[in-house]
Amino acid sequence: MFTPLQGSNFAENTRAVCIGSGRFMRAVLVPVFRALDSGVVVAQTRGTSFVSACAAAKGKYEVDTIDSEGHVDTTVFELEAVGSLGVAEGRAAFLSLPAKLPQLKYVGFGVTEAGLQSGTQVIKDLAEFLQAAFKAIPDNDLSIINTDNFPNNGDHIKKLVFELDWVKSDNATAFRGYLDSKVHFHNTMVDRITNHRAGDSVVPLTEPLPAKAISIEDLNGALDAERLRKVPGVHVRTSKSEIAKDYLLKFSLGNAVNSAMVYLLALSRQRTANQFQKFPIISEYLDALFDKDILPALIAGEVGEQEARQFYAEWLVRMKHPHFGLDNFWVSQNALLRVYVRLLNSVNINVAHYENYRPSKFMAYATAVALRFLTPWQADSKREASTVFVGQMDPIQNSAPIFSLTEKTWSYDTGLTANLSTGKYEFDDGENGRVSRLLWRASQQVLEASKSSSNDFPKSARAESSSEVSSGVGVAVASVLSSVKGFDLTNDAYASFAADVAALYQRLVSGKQTALETLEDVLRNHHTSEFLATREEVATFVREAVASSRQTHALGC
């Protein structure tokens, strides 16, 4: 493992080592390093699937790019070496690399949000690799460039490295000084829609290179900015305000639009995100959400209105790519984190900047439909993992395609499946099951109170629920929302928003309307609160939710 594949020794220009072999890494960052005429070593963090395939191809791997006409262009990239950190001999060989790479300058770091936590193995691997570099090549400036879209990811990774016990110890004073002076943890933003080749999950399948595929913050001039800017798709940012705008456009606009529609599409038995264009109502909804909630937040963040509108228009074109649709269920993972970062961040910005701002009913719907997706439809999944639940899509409607009885169940991620024919899907709420169990209890109260058990959903259906049930739903929803940073239920803007989300969520789980039918009502009436008849009732559940949330935190739950 990690032995040279292109000769007996590593090429002199081997200046990059990448931790992580994911699609972003192979379709975005490795091509950037190769464009800089740098040899690259890639470490797979777990497993050996990519390592085995690449080694068998003598260090070469393929990336497919598909255009709007369906034409596929395959590009081959060459690596100096590959190996896995998931096996003992691979990890040992990996830690010996700095001594063999005297020109080392770049460390690519590509892990999921799960890896960007305190004390994870990949953070330990990175820290020990940097310690090896400190011993072998202490004079080299190293740039850590991340490919996971996490706000201020470089700052966060540095913090996680410094939190390790051995890094904090008295014996590591010199190493900490090295990290501060010679290792540059760059904040980055990556944007290239990437999937995999049909029938071969090892080969990335990606859209044509966007104009802004990666933005790299470089406040201290550690990078060769002039050279990097000549690489297509690369932007070097030399001030905090620049990368902040990149984050707003990516997370609070592009990704927010995705999160606003993928849960709705998944519940409507649509497998890929590009199918939103079949439903004019979804485009109308996204436009309204953009105008009323997203655009004001972008403007508050000093993004120009024209730039924001242009980005939005271009994003929708990218989402409509007829031959490239991301799996809605795959995109729907880590739902709460994504709703918080992508959608509710705009609410926080707008509340802080606009005295009279109130979140729109469209923002409330986007939040409620995500909670509906996270609501289990049976008590357990009959799986060993207690955090895996089974959800149920909406019933098939007249306008929906007719599915074959042999429609296959597919795995959209490890251990998680979906089936459009049965309407069942497995999911992990990303919150150790806390949120889904809370929503399960609330939804059961709604269903038990419903007067009808029919699975036929009349177009103009309405349901009356008791104040007790409405209050219970309100407490559950407000408790979930109260965990969002800055979400203050004592503020009327947040309290009224929580009421709208609760009312819409109750409709979505009541068994009276599909998610699309509820959206039609919201677009027609901009009205949500038929389950919360009086202002006093809203105030009651908000007070209960605040009390419940404070009690939970006091107990350390």
Protein backbone atom coordinates (compact mmCIF):
# COMPACT_ATOMS: atom_id res chain seq x y z
CA MET A 1 0.00 0.00 0.00
CA PHE A 2 1.09 3.55 -0.87
CA THR A 3 3.92 2.23 -3.02
CA PRO A 4 4.81 4.18 -6.20
CA LEU A 5 2.76 3.04 -9.19
CA GLN A 6 4.51 5.02 -11.92
CA GLY A 7 8.12 4.03 -11.18
CA SER A 8 10.45 2.74 -8.49
CA ASN A 9 10.25 6.03 -6.58
CA PHE A 10 7.77 8.87 -6.26
CA ALA A 11 8.07 11.54 -8.94
CA GLU A 12 9.77 14.74 -7.76
CA ASN A 13 6.60 16.72 -8.45
CA THR A 14 4.49 14.66 -6.02
CA ARG A 15 3.21 17.59 -3.99
CA ALA A 16 -0.29 16.43 -2.99
CA VAL A 17 -1.67 13.77 -0.66
CA CYS A 18 -5.44 13.36 -0.45
CA ILE A 19 -7.22 11.84 2.54
CA GLY A 20 -10.50 10.51 1.20
CA SER A 21 -11.36 9.08 -2.21
CA GLY A 22 -14.91 10.32 -2.63
CA ARG A 23 -16.47 11.70 -5.79
CA PHE A 24 -15.79 15.36 -5.00
CA MET A 25 -12.16 14.54 -4.35
CA ARG A 26 -11.73 12.62 -7.59
CA ALA A 27 -13.90 14.87 -9.80
CA VAL A 28 -12.85 18.28 -8.43
CA LEU A 29 -9.70 18.48 -6.31
CA VAL A 30 -7.45 15.82 -7.84
CA PRO A 31 -8.00 17.37 -11.32
CA VAL A 32 -6.96 20.75 -9.86
CA PHE A 33 -3.73 19.29 -8.48
CA ARG A 34 -3.01 17.54 -11.77
CA ALA A 35 -3.62 20.83 -13.63
CA LEU A 36 -0.92 22.33 -11.40
CA ASP A 37 1.43 19.56 -12.63
CA SER A 38 1.45 17.94 -9.21
CA GLY A 39 1.64 14.22 -8.63
CA VAL A 40 -1.08 12.98 -6.27
CA VAL A 41 -1.36 10.19 -3.69
CA VAL A 42 -4.89 9.20 -2.60
CA ALA A 43 -5.80 7.47 0.67
CA GLN A 44 -9.15 5.73 0.93
CA THR A 45 -10.32 6.19 4.53
CA ARG A 46 -12.32 2.96 4.78
CA GLY A 47 -12.47 -0.14 2.63
CA THR A 48 -10.38 -0.93 -0.43
CA SER A 49 -12.79 -0.75 -3.41
CA PHE A 50 -11.24 2.31 -5.04
CA VAL A 51 -7.71 1.32 -4.02
CA SER A 52 -8.04 -2.11 -5.64
CA ALA A 53 -9.57 -0.76 -8.85
CA CYS A 54 -7.01 2.03 -9.20
CA ALA A 55 -4.01 -0.15 -8.40
CA ALA A 56 -5.18 -2.72 -10.95
CA ALA A 57 -5.30 0.08 -13.53
CA LYS A 58 -1.72 1.10 -12.66
CA GLY A 59 -2.77 4.25 -10.85
CA LYS A 60 -5.38 5.42 -13.33
CA TYR A 61 -9.05 6.18 -12.69
CA GLU A 62 -11.88 7.51 -14.82
CA VAL A 63 -14.38 10.37 -14.44
CA ASP A 64 -17.44 10.57 -16.71
CA THR A 65 -18.89 13.97 -17.67
CA ILE A 66 -22.37 13.98 -19.21
CA ASP A 67 -23.77 16.96 -21.12
CA SER A 68 -27.39 18.02 -21.58
CA GLU A 69 -27.63 15.98 -24.80
CA GLY A 70 -26.59 12.81 -23.02
CA HIS A 71 -23.10 12.62 -24.50
CA VAL A 72 -20.52 11.19 -22.10
CA ASP A 73 -16.88 12.25 -22.09
CA THR A 74 -14.52 10.07 -20.06
CA THR A 75 -11.35 11.60 -18.63
CA VAL A 76 -8.52 9.50 -17.20
CA PHE A 77 -6.47 10.78 -14.25
CA GLU A 78 -3.20 9.26 -13.10
CA LEU A 79 -2.12 8.91 -9.46
CA GLU A 80 1.30 8.29 -7.98
CA ALA A 81 0.02 5.88 -5.34
CA VAL A 82 -3.09 4.69 -3.53
CA GLY A 83 -3.76 2.93 -0.25
CA SER A 84 -6.31 2.42 2.49
CA LEU A 85 -6.33 3.76 6.04
CA GLY A 86 -8.78 1.02 6.94
CA VAL A 87 -6.05 -1.61 7.28
CA ALA A 88 -3.10 -1.50 9.68
CA GLU A 89 -0.34 -1.84 7.10
CA GLY A 90 -1.95 0.84 4.96
CA ARG A 91 -2.09 3.33 7.81
CA ALA A 92 1.54 2.71 8.74
CA ALA A 93 2.64 3.23 5.14
CA PHE A 94 0.54 6.40 4.93
CA LEU A 95 2.27 7.94 7.95
CA SER A 96 5.65 7.31 6.31
CA LEU A 97 4.76 9.36 3.22
CA PRO A 98 6.01 12.81 4.38
CA ALA A 99 9.56 11.47 4.66
CA LYS A 100 9.32 10.29 1.02
CA LEU A 101 7.76 13.47 -0.40
CA PRO A 102 10.18 16.37 0.08
CA GLN A 103 8.06 18.68 -2.12
CA LEU A 104 4.77 18.03 -0.28
CA LYS A 105 2.59 21.16 -0.31
CA TYR A 106 -1.09 20.15 -0.49
CA VAL A 107 -3.18 17.89 1.72
CA GLY A 108 -6.63 17.25 0.29
CA PHE A 109 -9.17 16.34 2.94
CA GLY A 110 -12.48 14.84 1.83
CA VAL A 111 -14.78 13.33 4.44
CA THR A 112 -18.49 13.55 5.18
CA GLU A 113 -20.05 15.62 7.97
CA ALA A 114 -19.84 12.53 10.18
CA GLY A 115 -16.05 12.67 10.02
CA LEU A 116 -15.91 16.33 10.98
CA GLN A 117 -16.57 15.61 14.64
CA SER A 118 -14.38 15.60 17.74
CA GLY A 119 -12.08 12.62 18.04
CA THR A 120 -13.05 10.80 14.84
CA GLN A 121 -10.54 8.41 13.33
CA VAL A 122 -9.99 10.53 10.24
CA ILE A 123 -9.15 13.59 12.38
CA LYS A 124 -6.64 11.43 14.26
CA ASP A 125 -5.21 10.24 10.93
CA LEU A 126 -4.80 13.83 9.74
CA ALA A 127 -3.14 14.94 12.97
CA GLU A 128 -0.66 12.06 12.95
CA PHE A 129 0.12 12.70 9.29
CA LEU A 130 0.86 16.34 10.11
CA GLN A 131 3.04 15.23 13.00
CA ALA A 132 5.00 13.03 10.58
CA ALA A 133 5.38 16.05 8.28
CA PHE A 134 6.54 18.15 11.25
CA LYS A 135 9.32 15.63 11.87
CA ALA A 136 10.32 14.96 8.25
CA ILE A 137 9.74 18.24 6.38
CA PRO A 138 9.27 20.97 9.03
CA ASP A 139 10.12 23.81 6.65
CA ASN A 140 7.36 22.98 4.14
CA ASP A 141 4.23 25.12 4.21
CA LEU A 142 1.24 22.79 3.93
CA SER A 143 -2.22 23.74 2.69
CA ILE A 144 -5.18 21.67 3.93
CA ILE A 145 -7.92 21.88 1.29
CA ASN A 146 -11.27 20.34 2.16
CA THR A 147 -13.90 19.04 -0.27
CA ASP A 148 -16.80 18.64 2.15
CA ASN A 149 -19.30 21.49 2.00
CA PHE A 150 -19.27 22.51 5.62
CA PRO A 151 -19.31 26.26 6.45
CA ASN A 152 -15.84 27.46 7.49
CA ASN A 153 -14.60 23.90 7.16
CA GLY A 154 -10.92 24.80 7.41
CA ASP A 155 -11.36 26.62 10.72
CA HIS A 156 -13.42 23.70 11.99
CA ILE A 157 -10.86 21.06 11.00
CA LYS A 158 -8.06 23.03 12.69
CA LYS A 159 -10.15 23.24 15.86
CA LEU A 160 -10.75 19.47 15.81
CA VAL A 161 -7.02 18.75 15.42
CA PHE A 162 -6.15 21.05 18.33
CA GLU A 163 -8.80 19.36 20.51
CA LEU A 164 -7.06 15.97 20.42
CA ASP A 165 -5.66 15.08 23.83
CA TRP A 166 -2.12 14.46 22.68
CA VAL A 167 -2.05 17.69 20.66
CA LYS A 168 -3.16 19.63 23.76
CA SER A 169 -0.51 18.02 25.98
CA ASP A 170 2.56 19.83 27.30
CA ASN A 171 4.76 17.57 25.17
CA ALA A 172 3.23 18.92 21.94
CA THR A 173 4.06 22.62 22.35
CA ALA A 174 6.44 22.67 19.39
CA PHE A 175 3.96 20.76 17.23
CA ARG A 176 1.20 23.25 18.02
CA GLY A 177 3.54 26.06 17.03
CA TYR A 178 4.19 24.26 13.74
CA LEU A 179 0.45 23.91 13.09
CA ASP A 180 -0.05 27.63 13.67
CA SER A 181 2.86 28.79 11.54
CA LYS A 182 3.34 26.24 8.75
CA VAL A 183 -0.02 24.50 8.24
CA HIS A 184 -2.80 26.49 6.56
CA PHE A 185 -6.33 25.19 7.07
CA HIS A 186 -8.16 26.81 4.15
CA ASN A 187 -11.91 27.38 4.20
CA THR A 188 -13.39 26.09 0.95
CA MET A 189 -16.62 25.73 -0.98
CA VAL A 190 -17.05 22.99 -3.59
CA ASP A 191 -19.83 22.93 -6.17
CA ARG A 192 -20.04 20.22 -8.81
CA ILE A 193 -23.06 17.93 -8.98
CA THR A 194 -21.64 14.42 -8.93
CA ASN A 195 -23.12 10.93 -9.05
CA HIS A 196 -21.66 7.65 -10.32
CA ARG A 197 -21.63 5.67 -13.53
CA ALA A 198 -24.63 3.38 -13.98
CA GLY A 199 -23.65 -0.05 -12.74
CA ASP A 200 -20.27 1.08 -11.40
CA SER A 201 -20.31 3.14 -8.21
CA VAL A 202 -16.52 3.52 -8.29
CA VAL A 203 -16.55 5.81 -11.35
CA PRO A 204 -17.79 9.39 -10.75
CA LEU A 205 -20.42 10.72 -13.17
CA THR A 206 -20.57 14.50 -13.13
CA GLU A 207 -22.07 17.53 -14.81
CA PRO A 208 -19.91 19.77 -17.04
CA LEU A 209 -17.49 21.82 -14.94
CA PRO A 210 -19.31 24.84 -13.45
CA ALA A 211 -17.74 28.28 -13.64
CA LYS A 212 -17.19 28.11 -9.87
CA ALA A 213 -16.35 24.51 -8.98
CA ILE A 214 -14.21 25.32 -5.93
CA SER A 215 -13.51 28.47 -3.94
CA ILE A 216 -10.45 28.45 -1.67
CA GLU A 217 -9.90 31.08 1.00
CA ASP A 218 -6.27 32.19 1.26
CA LEU A 219 -5.94 35.06 3.72
CA ASN A 220 -2.18 34.69 4.25
CA GLY A 221 -0.96 34.19 0.69
CA ALA A 222 0.03 30.57 1.25
CA LEU A 223 -1.14 29.53 -2.23
CA ASP A 224 0.09 30.45 -5.69
CA ALA A 225 -3.12 32.36 -6.38
CA GLU A 226 -2.11 33.56 -9.83
CA ARG A 227 -1.45 30.03 -11.02
CA LEU A 228 -4.51 28.56 -9.35
CA ARG A 229 -6.83 31.14 -10.90
CA LYS A 230 -5.78 29.92 -14.34
CA VAL A 231 -7.24 26.48 -13.57
CA PRO A 232 -10.85 26.29 -14.87
CA GLY A 233 -13.44 26.41 -12.09
CA VAL A 234 -11.02 27.55 -9.36
CA HIS A 235 -11.51 30.80 -7.42
CA VAL A 236 -9.06 32.03 -4.77
CA ARG A 237 -10.60 34.28 -2.11
CA THR A 238 -8.35 36.69 -0.22
CA SER A 239 -10.91 38.18 2.18
CA LYS A 240 -13.49 36.76 4.58
CA SER A 241 -16.31 38.61 2.86
CA GLU A 242 -15.61 36.83 -0.43
CA ILE A 243 -15.88 33.28 0.91
CA ALA A 244 -18.88 34.36 3.00
CA LYS A 245 -20.73 35.26 -0.21
CA ASP A 246 -19.73 31.94 -1.76
CA TYR A 247 -21.21 30.13 1.24
CA LEU A 248 -24.44 32.12 1.08
CA LEU A 249 -24.92 31.40 -2.62
CA LYS A 250 -24.07 27.72 -2.26
CA PHE A 251 -25.79 26.84 1.02
CA SER A 252 -28.58 29.41 1.38
CA LEU A 253 -29.53 29.45 -2.30
CA GLY A 254 -28.42 26.44 -4.34
CA ASN A 255 -28.54 23.83 -1.59
CA ALA A 256 -31.59 25.49 0.00
CA VAL A 257 -33.53 25.06 -3.24
CA ASN A 258 -32.52 21.38 -3.29
CA SER A 259 -33.61 20.84 0.31
CA ALA A 260 -36.90 22.64 -0.34
CA MET A 261 -37.86 20.14 -3.04
CA VAL A 262 -36.16 16.76 -2.47
CA TYR A 263 -38.31 15.74 0.53
CA LEU A 264 -41.45 16.70 -1.38
CA LEU A 265 -40.28 14.75 -4.42
CA ALA A 266 -39.32 11.71 -2.35
CA LEU A 267 -42.72 11.65 -0.64
CA SER A 268 -44.33 12.01 -4.09
CA ARG A 269 -42.55 8.86 -5.32
CA GLN A 270 -40.09 10.66 -7.56
CA ARG A 271 -36.67 9.05 -7.53
CA THR A 272 -34.47 11.86 -8.91
CA ALA A 273 -34.29 15.61 -8.30
CA ASN A 274 -34.50 16.60 -11.97
CA GLN A 275 -38.10 15.35 -12.02
CA PHE A 276 -39.24 18.54 -10.28
CA GLN A 277 -39.65 20.11 -13.71
CA LYS A 278 -42.63 17.79 -14.35
CA PHE A 279 -44.56 19.67 -11.66
CA PRO A 280 -45.12 23.39 -12.45
CA ILE A 281 -46.41 23.83 -8.90
CA ILE A 282 -42.95 23.02 -7.52
CA SER A 283 -41.30 25.68 -9.67
CA GLU A 284 -43.91 28.19 -8.51
CA TYR A 285 -43.19 27.25 -4.90
CA LEU A 286 -39.42 27.55 -5.32
CA ASP A 287 -39.79 30.98 -6.95
CA ALA A 288 -41.93 32.19 -4.05
CA LEU A 289 -39.47 30.84 -1.47
CA PHE A 290 -36.61 32.56 -3.30
CA ASP A 291 -38.36 35.93 -3.46
CA LYS A 292 -39.73 36.02 0.08
CA ASP A 293 -37.02 34.36 2.19
CA ILE A 294 -33.84 33.48 0.33
CA LEU A 295 -33.21 36.67 -1.66
CA PRO A 296 -33.62 39.04 1.33
CA ALA A 297 -31.07 36.97 3.29
CA LEU A 298 -28.59 37.07 0.41
CA ILE A 299 -28.98 40.84 0.08
CA ALA A 300 -28.45 41.20 3.84
CA GLY A 301 -25.21 39.24 3.32
CA GLU A 302 -24.13 41.78 0.70
CA VAL A 303 -24.77 39.55 -2.29
CA GLY A 304 -25.99 41.68 -5.17
CA GLU A 305 -29.59 41.05 -6.23
CA GLN A 306 -28.63 40.57 -9.87
CA GLU A 307 -25.89 38.10 -8.93
CA ALA A 308 -28.35 36.17 -6.75
CA ARG A 309 -31.01 36.01 -9.46
CA GLN A 310 -28.46 34.88 -12.04
CA PHE A 311 -27.15 32.15 -9.72
CA TYR A 312 -30.72 30.98 -9.04
CA ALA A 313 -31.55 30.79 -12.74
CA GLU A 314 -28.33 28.91 -13.51
CA TRP A 315 -28.90 26.53 -10.59
CA LEU A 316 -32.36 25.58 -11.86
CA VAL A 317 -30.89 24.87 -15.30
CA ARG A 318 -28.32 22.58 -13.70
CA MET A 319 -31.04 20.84 -11.69
CA LYS A 320 -33.04 20.20 -14.88
CA HIS A 321 -30.19 18.29 -16.57
CA PRO A 322 -32.26 15.57 -18.32
CA HIS A 323 -29.57 12.91 -18.07
CA PHE A 324 -28.30 13.69 -14.61
CA GLY A 325 -30.64 13.50 -11.66
CA LEU A 326 -29.46 13.03 -8.10
CA ASP A 327 -31.28 10.41 -6.03
CA ASN A 328 -33.80 12.31 -3.87
CA PHE A 329 -33.43 9.84 -1.01
CA TRP A 330 -29.65 10.04 -1.05
CA VAL A 331 -29.79 13.86 -1.03
CA SER A 332 -32.37 13.77 1.79
CA GLN A 333 -29.93 12.32 4.33
CA ASN A 334 -28.96 14.34 7.41
CA ALA A 335 -32.26 16.15 6.91
CA LEU A 336 -32.30 18.28 10.04
CA LEU A 337 -28.72 19.47 9.68
CA ARG A 338 -29.39 20.40 6.07
CA VAL A 339 -32.64 22.19 6.87
CA TYR A 340 -30.85 24.13 9.61
CA VAL A 341 -27.80 25.10 7.53
CA ARG A 342 -29.54 25.64 4.21
CA LEU A 343 -33.05 26.94 4.95
CA LEU A 344 -33.32 28.20 8.50
CA ASN A 345 -30.06 30.12 8.22
CA SER A 346 -31.97 32.53 5.97
CA VAL A 347 -34.64 32.88 8.65
CA ASN A 348 -31.99 33.79 11.23
CA ILE A 349 -30.37 36.33 8.91
CA ASN A 350 -33.68 37.94 7.99
CA VAL A 351 -34.93 38.18 11.59
CA ALA A 352 -31.66 39.89 12.55
CA HIS A 353 -31.70 42.35 9.64
CA TYR A 354 -35.37 43.15 9.00
CA GLU A 355 -37.54 44.27 11.90
CA ASN A 356 -40.81 43.41 10.17
CA TYR A 357 -39.71 40.12 8.59
CA ARG A 358 -41.82 37.06 9.18
CA PRO A 359 -40.85 33.72 7.60
CA SER A 360 -43.14 32.95 4.67
CA LYS A 361 -45.57 30.06 4.48
CA PHE A 362 -43.28 28.61 1.81
CA MET A 363 -40.38 28.43 4.26
CA ALA A 364 -42.76 26.85 6.78
CA TYR A 365 -43.83 24.29 4.18
CA ALA A 366 -40.22 23.45 3.26
CA THR A 367 -39.50 22.78 6.94
CA ALA A 368 -42.72 20.85 7.57
CA VAL A 369 -42.27 18.54 4.59
CA ALA A 370 -38.75 17.66 5.78
CA LEU A 371 -40.21 16.74 9.19
CA ARG A 372 -42.87 14.67 7.42
CA PHE A 373 -40.06 12.79 5.63
CA LEU A 374 -38.46 12.10 9.03
CA THR A 375 -41.68 10.70 10.50
CA PRO A 376 -41.68 6.89 10.92
CA TRP A 377 -44.75 5.06 9.64
CA GLN A 378 -44.20 1.99 11.79
CA ALA A 379 -42.90 1.48 15.30
CA ASP A 380 -39.58 -0.08 14.30
CA SER A 381 -37.62 -1.03 11.22
CA LYS A 382 -36.86 -4.56 12.37
CA ARG A 383 -33.20 -3.68 11.95
CA GLU A 384 -30.43 -4.00 14.49
CA ALA A 385 -29.70 -0.28 14.19
CA SER A 386 -32.14 1.49 16.51
CA THR A 387 -31.70 4.74 14.57
CA VAL A 388 -32.99 3.35 11.25
CA PHE A 389 -36.70 3.96 10.69
CA VAL A 390 -39.23 3.18 7.96
CA GLY A 391 -41.16 6.02 6.33
CA GLN A 392 -44.10 5.92 3.94
CA MET A 393 -44.47 7.90 0.72
CA ASP A 394 -47.78 9.47 -0.24
CA PRO A 395 -50.39 7.30 -2.02
CA ILE A 396 -50.16 7.13 -5.81
CA GLN A 397 -52.30 9.84 -7.41
CA ASN A 398 -53.91 9.97 -10.86
CA SER A 399 -51.10 12.12 -12.24
CA ALA A 400 -48.37 9.85 -10.88
CA PRO A 401 -46.76 7.17 -13.04
CA ILE A 402 -48.05 3.61 -12.73
CA PHE A 403 -45.41 1.45 -11.10
CA SER A 404 -44.80 -2.15 -11.93
CA LEU A 405 -45.55 -4.61 -9.17
CA THR A 406 -41.97 -5.77 -9.63
CA GLU A 407 -40.49 -2.31 -9.02
CA LYS A 408 -37.22 -3.13 -7.33
CA THR A 409 -36.05 -2.01 -3.93
CA TRP A 410 -32.76 -0.15 -4.28
CA SER A 411 -30.10 0.87 -1.76
CA TYR A 412 -29.59 4.62 -1.89
CA ASP A 413 -26.90 4.44 0.79
CA THR A 414 -25.29 1.77 2.95
CA GLY A 415 -28.04 -0.02 4.85
CA LEU A 416 -30.83 2.28 3.60
CA THR A 417 -33.37 1.25 0.95
CA ALA A 418 -36.40 2.65 -0.86
CA ASN A 419 -39.12 1.24 -3.12
CA LEU A 420 -41.41 3.44 -5.24
CA SER A 421 -43.96 0.67 -5.69
CA THR A 422 -44.57 -0.08 -2.00
CA GLY A 423 -43.85 3.51 -1.02
CA LYS A 424 -41.60 2.44 1.84
CA TYR A 425 -38.19 3.95 2.52
CA GLU A 426 -35.65 3.53 5.30
CA PHE A 427 -33.91 6.53 6.81
CA ASP A 428 -31.67 7.67 9.64
CA ASP A 429 -32.67 11.02 11.14
CA GLY A 430 -29.04 11.94 11.84
CA GLU A 431 -30.01 12.78 15.44
CA ASN A 432 -29.56 9.31 17.01
CA GLY A 433 -33.29 8.73 16.59
CA ARG A 434 -34.34 11.49 18.99
CA VAL A 435 -36.25 13.57 16.44
CA SER A 436 -37.97 10.70 14.64
CA ARG A 437 -39.19 9.16 17.89
CA LEU A 438 -40.60 12.54 18.91
CA LEU A 439 -42.35 12.93 15.56
CA TRP A 440 -43.62 9.34 15.69
CA ARG A 441 -45.46 10.03 18.93
CA ALA A 442 -46.92 13.29 17.65
CA SER A 443 -48.04 11.77 14.33
CA GLN A 444 -49.76 8.87 16.08
CA GLN A 445 -51.82 11.35 18.10
CA VAL A 446 -52.91 13.02 14.87
CA LEU A 447 -53.82 9.76 13.15
CA GLU A 448 -55.76 8.49 16.13
CA ALA A 449 -57.74 11.74 16.24
CA SER A 450 -58.55 11.63 12.54
CA LYS A 451 -62.18 10.83 11.76
CA SER A 452 -61.36 8.98 8.57
CA SER A 453 -59.11 5.96 8.06
CA SER A 454 -59.50 5.97 4.29
CA ASN A 455 -56.43 6.03 2.11
CA ASP A 456 -58.24 8.04 -0.55
CA PHE A 457 -57.32 11.71 -0.22
CA PRO A 458 -60.13 14.03 -1.46
CA LYS A 459 -58.78 17.09 -3.21
CA SER A 460 -60.37 19.59 -0.81
CA ALA A 461 -60.03 17.50 2.31
CA ARG A 462 -59.94 19.17 5.69
CA ALA A 463 -59.64 17.64 9.13
CA GLU A 464 -60.58 19.01 12.52
CA SER A 465 -58.36 18.06 15.42
CA SER A 466 -58.71 18.73 19.07
CA SER A 467 -56.78 21.50 20.76
CA GLU A 468 -54.98 18.83 22.77
CA VAL A 469 -53.67 17.10 19.65
CA SER A 470 -52.73 20.42 18.02
CA SER A 471 -50.90 21.45 21.15
CA GLY A 472 -49.05 18.11 21.26
CA VAL A 473 -47.94 18.51 17.66
CA GLY A 474 -46.95 22.09 18.36
CA VAL A 475 -44.82 21.10 21.32
CA ALA A 476 -43.07 18.38 19.28
CA VAL A 477 -42.36 20.63 16.30
CA ALA A 478 -41.29 23.60 18.39
CA SER A 479 -38.99 21.35 20.44
CA VAL A 480 -37.30 20.18 17.24
CA LEU A 481 -36.93 23.73 15.94
CA SER A 482 -35.66 25.04 19.27
CA SER A 483 -32.45 23.06 18.79
CA VAL A 484 -31.55 25.32 15.86
CA LYS A 485 -28.86 27.83 16.78
CA GLY A 486 -30.47 31.23 17.26
CA PHE A 487 -34.04 29.91 17.06
CA ASP A 488 -35.70 31.91 19.87
CA LEU A 489 -39.28 30.86 20.54
CA THR A 490 -39.81 33.89 22.77
CA ASN A 491 -39.42 36.04 19.63
CA ASP A 492 -42.74 36.46 17.82
CA ALA A 493 -41.17 35.88 14.40
CA TYR A 494 -39.94 32.44 15.45
CA ALA A 495 -43.07 31.63 17.45
CA SER A 496 -45.39 32.38 14.53
CA PHE A 497 -43.11 30.40 12.21
CA ALA A 498 -43.19 27.42 14.60
CA ALA A 499 -47.00 27.65 14.59
CA ASP A 500 -47.09 27.60 10.79
CA VAL A 501 -44.70 24.64 10.60
CA ALA A 502 -46.74 22.74 13.19
CA ALA A 503 -50.01 23.40 11.37
CA LEU A 504 -48.60 22.28 8.04
CA TYR A 505 -46.90 19.25 9.58
CA GLN A 506 -50.22 18.22 11.13
CA ARG A 507 -51.88 18.38 7.72
CA LEU A 508 -49.08 16.37 6.14
CA VAL A 509 -49.37 13.51 8.65
CA SER A 510 -53.16 13.59 9.11
CA GLY A 511 -53.93 11.23 6.22
CA LYS A 512 -56.14 13.75 4.43
CA GLN A 513 -53.88 15.24 1.77
CA THR A 514 -50.70 14.43 -0.10
CA ALA A 515 -47.73 16.75 0.22
CA LEU A 516 -48.40 18.09 -3.29
CA GLU A 517 -52.06 18.80 -2.47
CA THR A 518 -51.07 20.63 0.70
CA LEU A 519 -48.63 22.68 -1.36
CA GLU A 520 -51.43 23.60 -3.76
CA ASP A 521 -53.44 24.96 -0.83
CA VAL A 522 -50.47 26.95 0.48
CA LEU A 523 -49.85 28.50 -2.93
CA ARG A 524 -53.52 29.31 -3.38
CA ASN A 525 -54.29 30.62 0.09
CA HIS A 526 -50.92 31.27 1.77
CA HIS A 527 -52.79 29.86 4.75
CA THR A 528 -51.65 27.21 7.21
CA SER A 529 -53.27 27.58 10.58
CA GLU A 530 -56.64 25.82 10.30
CA PHE A 531 -55.49 23.45 13.04
CA LEU A 532 -54.50 26.31 15.33
CA ALA A 533 -57.67 28.31 15.47
CA THR A 534 -56.77 31.02 17.93
CA ARG A 535 -53.76 33.10 18.81
CA GLU A 536 -54.15 31.95 22.41
CA GLU A 537 -53.75 28.34 21.31
CA VAL A 538 -50.56 29.20 19.43
CA ALA A 539 -49.22 31.00 22.48
CA THR A 540 -50.06 28.01 24.65
CA PHE A 541 -48.06 25.47 22.66
CA VAL A 542 -45.13 27.86 22.28
CA ARG A 543 -44.94 28.35 26.05
CA GLU A 544 -45.15 24.59 26.53
CA ALA A 545 -42.42 24.02 23.96
CA VAL A 546 -40.11 26.57 25.58
CA ALA A 547 -40.66 24.97 28.99
CA SER A 548 -40.14 21.47 27.56
CA SER A 549 -36.96 22.51 25.77
CA ARG A 550 -35.51 24.16 28.87
CA GLN A 551 -36.32 21.11 30.98
CA THR A 552 -34.65 18.82 28.44
CA HIS A 553 -31.47 20.91 28.45
CA ALA A 554 -31.50 21.08 32.26
CA LEU A 555 -31.61 17.28 32.41
CA GLY A 556 -28.74 17.07 29.92
CA CYS A 557 -30.79 15.09 27.41
